[in-house]
Amino acid sequence: MYIDKYLETIQEDMGIAVGIGAAAIVANLTIVFLQSMVLAKTTKVDPKLSKRINNILKSPTKYVVHIMSNPSPNAFALGFGKHMFVTSSLLKLLNDKEIDSILLHEAYHNKSKHTYQDLAYKYTMWSICLGILTATGFAFVPGSILAVYILMHIMLNIAEIPYRITVGRRHEYNADSYAAQFGYGDYLISAFNKLEKYMEKLVRKQGSQCGAMCQVVNKIDRALDEHPSTKNRVENILKQSKKLKDASFKKVKDFVIKAWNN
């Protein structure tokens, strides 16, 4: 009797948790969508950059490139629609061809719907974590809202590590390879090298302000980041470029042999 009652209580709690979770997910997605639209509306469009990337891609999607005033060199795509963003500092750091290579990388993320995959995993883990806290009854302890929020945050960060270092890094490698397929592999490598030098300079500058514990945290963040090391990314691009060259050579050779035989 006690077990049945306990299971019934858990089922009721889980039902409440599922309802809260579903509402929170819908609300979160709505906020993300609205923020994205506001960002697209409030940032300056660069017609020259937009035309350049569309001429390279020749895809049905006509991308619109926006310039953001930001001291950090960065570029990103929303993951849906046609909007891509480049910071003003990135434009100062890289040349046109390097910028194009970065935009090709971001176009692949957009084309492959990586944002949707990331959100699907994140919300699945979010539901599992909430379910665990609900099943244990901890989520309904009076005054535990802050504790539940902190625990959820910790659990989610831990749960996302395997995804970031496997799927997340594969997404980055594939996006790099996509840029290489258009002949922009060397420019992407050049862009990565410039960005790495920029980051090294920034780390040295902040070194005096960052204590031992802070430096350890930074190293852990880099080790668990979904972006692979520059060395590994360069090696991946070079391998991809070699495959493309070998494939092109084989096509030419086959064409010559066929023409000779005919």
Protein backbone atom coordinates (compact mmCIF):
# COMPACT_ATOMS: atom_id res chain seq x y z
CA MET A 1 0.00 0.00 0.00
CA TYR A 2 2.78 2.38 0.97
CA ILE A 3 4.73 1.63 -2.25
CA ASP A 4 1.60 2.13 -4.39
CA LYS A 5 0.90 5.44 -2.71
CA TYR A 6 4.53 6.48 -3.12
CA LEU A 7 4.50 5.59 -6.84
CA GLU A 8 1.23 7.45 -7.29
CA THR A 9 2.74 10.53 -5.66
CA ILE A 10 5.77 10.32 -7.95
CA GLN A 11 3.51 10.03 -11.00
CA GLU A 12 1.58 13.11 -9.94
CA ASP A 13 4.80 15.02 -9.30
CA MET A 14 6.21 13.91 -12.65
CA GLY A 15 3.04 15.09 -14.36
CA ILE A 16 3.45 18.51 -12.79
CA ALA A 17 7.14 18.55 -13.73
CA VAL A 18 6.39 17.62 -17.35
CA GLY A 19 3.80 20.41 -17.55
CA ILE A 20 6.20 22.95 -16.07
CA GLY A 21 9.02 21.68 -18.30
CA ALA A 22 6.96 21.89 -21.49
CA ALA A 23 5.83 25.41 -20.64
CA ALA A 24 9.40 26.47 -19.85
CA ILE A 25 10.71 25.01 -23.14
CA VAL A 26 8.04 26.80 -25.20
CA ALA A 27 8.72 30.04 -23.34
CA ASN A 28 12.48 29.68 -23.81
CA LEU A 29 12.18 28.98 -27.54
CA THR A 30 9.84 31.96 -27.94
CA ILE A 31 12.35 34.22 -26.18
CA VAL A 32 15.23 32.91 -28.34
CA PHE A 33 13.21 33.52 -31.52
CA LEU A 34 12.19 37.04 -30.46
CA GLN A 35 15.75 37.93 -29.41
CA SER A 36 17.01 36.68 -32.78
CA MET A 37 14.50 38.78 -34.66
CA VAL A 38 15.33 41.86 -32.58
CA LEU A 39 19.04 41.28 -33.23
CA ALA A 40 18.41 41.03 -36.97
CA LYS A 41 16.31 44.21 -36.91
CA THR A 42 18.71 46.31 -34.84
CA THR A 43 22.03 45.50 -36.53
CA LYS A 44 23.41 47.03 -39.71
CA VAL A 45 23.21 44.94 -42.90
CA ASP A 46 26.34 44.82 -45.09
CA PRO A 47 25.13 44.49 -48.73
CA LYS A 48 28.67 43.90 -50.02
CA LEU A 49 29.34 40.98 -47.65
CA SER A 50 25.89 39.55 -48.25
CA LYS A 51 26.34 39.63 -52.04
CA ARG A 52 29.82 38.12 -51.79
CA ILE A 53 28.79 35.10 -49.71
CA ASN A 54 25.69 34.48 -51.85
CA ASN A 55 27.81 34.57 -55.02
CA ILE A 56 30.11 31.93 -53.53
CA LEU A 57 27.35 29.66 -52.22
CA LYS A 58 24.89 30.00 -55.12
CA SER A 59 22.25 28.46 -52.85
CA PRO A 60 18.47 29.05 -52.72
CA THR A 61 18.94 30.69 -49.32
CA LYS A 62 19.91 34.33 -49.81
CA TYR A 63 21.92 35.17 -46.73
CA VAL A 64 21.89 38.59 -45.11
CA VAL A 65 25.11 39.46 -43.28
CA HIS A 66 24.84 41.88 -40.34
CA ILE A 67 27.65 43.84 -38.70
CA MET A 68 27.68 44.04 -34.91
CA SER A 69 29.70 46.63 -33.05
CA ASN A 70 31.64 44.45 -30.62
CA PRO A 71 35.26 44.44 -29.34
CA SER A 72 35.48 40.63 -29.55
CA PRO A 73 36.21 39.07 -32.97
CA ASN A 74 33.36 36.66 -33.63
CA ALA A 75 30.87 35.42 -36.22
CA PHE A 76 27.73 33.31 -35.89
CA ALA A 77 24.51 32.28 -37.62
CA LEU A 78 21.13 32.07 -35.92
CA GLY A 79 20.74 28.44 -36.96
CA PHE A 80 17.57 29.12 -38.90
CA GLY A 81 16.52 31.56 -41.60
CA LYS A 82 19.00 33.67 -43.55
CA HIS A 83 20.76 35.90 -41.02
CA MET A 84 24.48 35.74 -40.22
CA PHE A 85 26.44 38.10 -37.98
CA VAL A 86 30.03 39.35 -37.98
CA THR A 87 31.53 41.65 -35.36
CA SER A 88 33.30 44.85 -36.38
CA SER A 89 36.49 43.69 -34.63
CA LEU A 90 36.59 40.50 -36.75
CA LEU A 91 36.40 42.61 -39.90
CA LYS A 92 39.42 44.60 -38.68
CA LEU A 93 41.39 41.45 -37.83
CA LEU A 94 40.81 39.41 -41.02
CA ASN A 95 40.99 40.15 -44.74
CA ASP A 96 38.09 39.65 -47.16
CA LYS A 97 38.94 36.06 -48.16
CA GLU A 98 39.36 35.04 -44.52
CA ILE A 99 36.00 36.60 -43.67
CA ASP A 100 34.42 34.67 -46.56
CA SER A 101 35.88 31.43 -45.21
CA ILE A 102 34.37 32.13 -41.78
CA LEU A 103 30.98 32.89 -43.34
CA LEU A 104 31.11 29.62 -45.31
CA HIS A 105 31.74 27.84 -42.01
CA GLU A 106 28.72 29.55 -40.44
CA ALA A 107 26.57 28.84 -43.51
CA TYR A 108 27.17 25.13 -42.99
CA HIS A 109 25.99 25.34 -39.38
CA ASN A 110 22.85 27.02 -40.67
CA LYS A 111 22.37 24.60 -43.57
CA SER A 112 22.78 21.54 -41.33
CA LYS A 113 20.41 22.85 -38.62
CA HIS A 114 23.01 22.36 -35.90
CA THR A 115 21.18 24.78 -33.61
CA TYR A 116 18.09 22.54 -33.64
CA GLN A 117 20.21 19.49 -32.81
CA ASP A 118 21.87 21.34 -29.94
CA LEU A 119 18.52 22.48 -28.54
CA ALA A 120 17.01 19.00 -28.88
CA TYR A 121 19.84 17.51 -26.81
CA LYS A 122 19.78 20.36 -24.30
CA TYR A 123 16.05 20.13 -23.68
CA THR A 124 16.18 16.33 -23.46
CA MET A 125 18.84 16.61 -20.75
CA TRP A 126 16.84 19.41 -19.12
CA SER A 127 13.78 17.13 -18.90
CA ILE A 128 15.84 14.22 -17.52
CA CYS A 129 17.46 16.41 -14.86
CA LEU A 130 14.10 17.87 -13.85
CA GLY A 131 12.64 14.36 -13.76
CA ILE A 132 15.40 13.16 -11.43
CA LEU A 133 14.91 16.07 -9.05
CA THR A 134 11.14 15.51 -9.15
CA ALA A 135 11.32 11.74 -8.59
CA THR A 136 13.50 12.27 -5.53
CA GLY A 137 11.01 14.83 -4.23
CA PHE A 138 13.71 17.47 -3.93
CA ALA A 139 12.03 19.76 -6.47
CA PHE A 140 9.03 20.16 -4.17
CA VAL A 141 10.82 20.83 -0.90
CA PRO A 142 9.59 24.21 0.44
CA GLY A 143 12.12 26.98 -0.13
CA SER A 144 14.26 24.88 -2.46
CA ILE A 145 13.72 26.91 -5.66
CA LEU A 146 17.20 28.45 -5.60
CA ALA A 147 18.82 25.10 -4.71
CA VAL A 148 16.92 23.37 -7.54
CA TYR A 149 18.05 26.05 -10.00
CA ILE A 150 21.70 25.67 -8.96
CA LEU A 151 21.51 21.86 -9.09
CA MET A 152 19.83 21.96 -12.51
CA HIS A 153 22.58 24.25 -13.80
CA ILE A 154 25.33 21.95 -12.48
CA MET A 155 23.64 18.79 -13.82
CA LEU A 156 23.07 20.35 -17.25
CA ASN A 157 26.68 21.50 -17.55
CA ILE A 158 27.92 18.01 -16.70
CA ALA A 159 25.38 16.34 -19.04
CA GLU A 160 26.42 18.59 -21.96
CA ILE A 161 30.13 17.72 -21.76
CA PRO A 162 29.92 14.44 -23.76
CA TYR A 163 27.80 16.16 -26.42
CA ARG A 164 30.14 19.14 -26.77
CA ILE A 165 33.34 17.10 -27.15
CA THR A 166 31.82 14.57 -29.57
CA VAL A 167 28.88 15.90 -31.60
CA GLY A 168 29.76 19.57 -31.11
CA ARG A 169 33.34 19.11 -32.30
CA ARG A 170 32.20 16.99 -35.24
CA HIS A 171 29.92 19.87 -36.28
CA GLU A 172 32.91 22.23 -36.22
CA TYR A 173 35.11 19.88 -38.26
CA ASN A 174 32.34 19.41 -40.83
CA ALA A 175 31.77 23.16 -41.11
CA ASP A 176 35.51 23.68 -41.66
CA SER A 177 35.51 20.99 -44.36
CA TYR A 178 32.57 22.68 -46.04
CA ALA A 179 34.58 25.91 -46.40
CA ALA A 180 37.50 23.88 -47.79
CA GLN A 181 35.21 22.36 -50.44
CA PHE A 182 34.76 25.86 -51.88
CA GLY A 183 38.52 26.34 -52.04
CA TYR A 184 38.74 28.45 -48.89
CA GLY A 185 40.68 25.99 -46.72
CA ASP A 186 43.92 28.00 -46.75
CA TYR A 187 42.05 31.20 -45.92
CA LEU A 188 40.28 29.51 -43.01
CA ILE A 189 43.61 28.26 -41.66
CA SER A 190 44.99 31.80 -41.93
CA ALA A 191 41.92 33.13 -40.10
CA PHE A 192 42.32 30.56 -37.29
CA ASN A 193 46.00 31.43 -36.87
CA LYS A 194 45.19 35.15 -36.58
CA LEU A 195 42.42 34.44 -34.08
CA GLU A 196 44.69 32.21 -32.02
CA LYS A 197 47.38 34.91 -31.88
CA TYR A 198 44.72 37.41 -30.83
CA MET A 199 43.54 35.10 -28.03
CA GLU A 200 47.11 34.40 -26.87
CA LYS A 201 47.76 38.13 -26.67
CA LEU A 202 44.52 38.61 -24.73
CA VAL A 203 45.38 35.80 -22.29
CA ARG A 204 48.84 37.29 -21.67
CA LYS A 205 47.27 40.68 -21.07
CA GLN A 206 44.79 39.25 -18.58
CA GLY A 207 47.36 36.94 -17.00
CA SER A 208 48.34 39.40 -14.30
CA GLN A 209 44.67 39.87 -13.37
CA CYS A 210 43.87 36.14 -13.36
CA GLY A 211 45.03 34.07 -10.38
CA ALA A 212 46.07 30.41 -10.32
CA MET A 213 42.52 29.16 -9.79
CA CYS A 214 41.24 31.36 -12.60
CA GLN A 215 43.89 29.97 -14.99
CA VAL A 216 42.97 26.38 -14.08
CA VAL A 217 39.29 27.13 -14.80
CA ASN A 218 40.24 28.66 -18.17
CA LYS A 219 42.25 25.55 -19.11
CA ILE A 220 39.33 23.29 -18.18
CA ASP A 221 36.96 25.45 -20.25
CA ARG A 222 39.24 25.15 -23.29
CA ALA A 223 39.60 21.39 -22.82
CA LEU A 224 35.81 20.91 -22.69
CA ASP A 225 34.96 23.48 -25.37
CA GLU A 226 33.04 22.25 -28.42
CA HIS A 227 35.53 24.08 -30.63
CA PRO A 228 38.56 21.82 -31.28
CA SER A 229 42.10 23.13 -30.92
CA THR A 230 43.47 25.19 -33.80
CA LYS A 231 46.08 22.49 -34.46
CA ASN A 232 43.43 19.79 -34.90
CA ARG A 233 41.25 22.02 -37.07
CA VAL A 234 44.17 22.90 -39.35
CA GLU A 235 45.06 19.20 -39.72
CA ASN A 236 41.42 18.42 -40.60
CA ILE A 237 41.32 21.17 -43.24
CA LEU A 238 44.61 20.04 -44.79
CA LYS A 239 43.33 16.45 -44.99
CA GLN A 240 40.11 17.66 -46.60
CA SER A 241 42.04 19.83 -49.07
CA LYS A 242 44.29 16.87 -49.98
CA LYS A 243 41.24 14.67 -50.61
CA LEU A 244 39.78 17.33 -52.89
CA LYS A 245 43.05 17.68 -54.82
CA ASP A 246 43.40 13.89 -55.14
CA ALA A 247 39.79 13.64 -56.34
CA SER A 248 40.35 16.41 -58.91
CA PHE A 249 43.55 14.75 -60.15
CA LYS A 250 41.74 11.42 -60.50
CA LYS A 251 38.97 13.08 -62.54
CA VAL A 252 41.51 14.65 -64.90
CA LYS A 253 43.45 11.38 -65.22
CA ASP A 254 40.29 9.38 -65.95
CA PHE A 255 39.22 11.95 -68.52
CA VAL A 256 42.61 11.80 -70.30
CA ILE A 257 42.66 7.99 -70.31
CA LYS A 258 39.12 7.83 -71.65
CA ALA A 259 39.88 10.39 -74.37
CA TRP A 260 43.07 8.51 -75.32
CA ASN A 261 41.26 5.18 -75.56
CA ASN A 262 38.53 6.70 -77.74
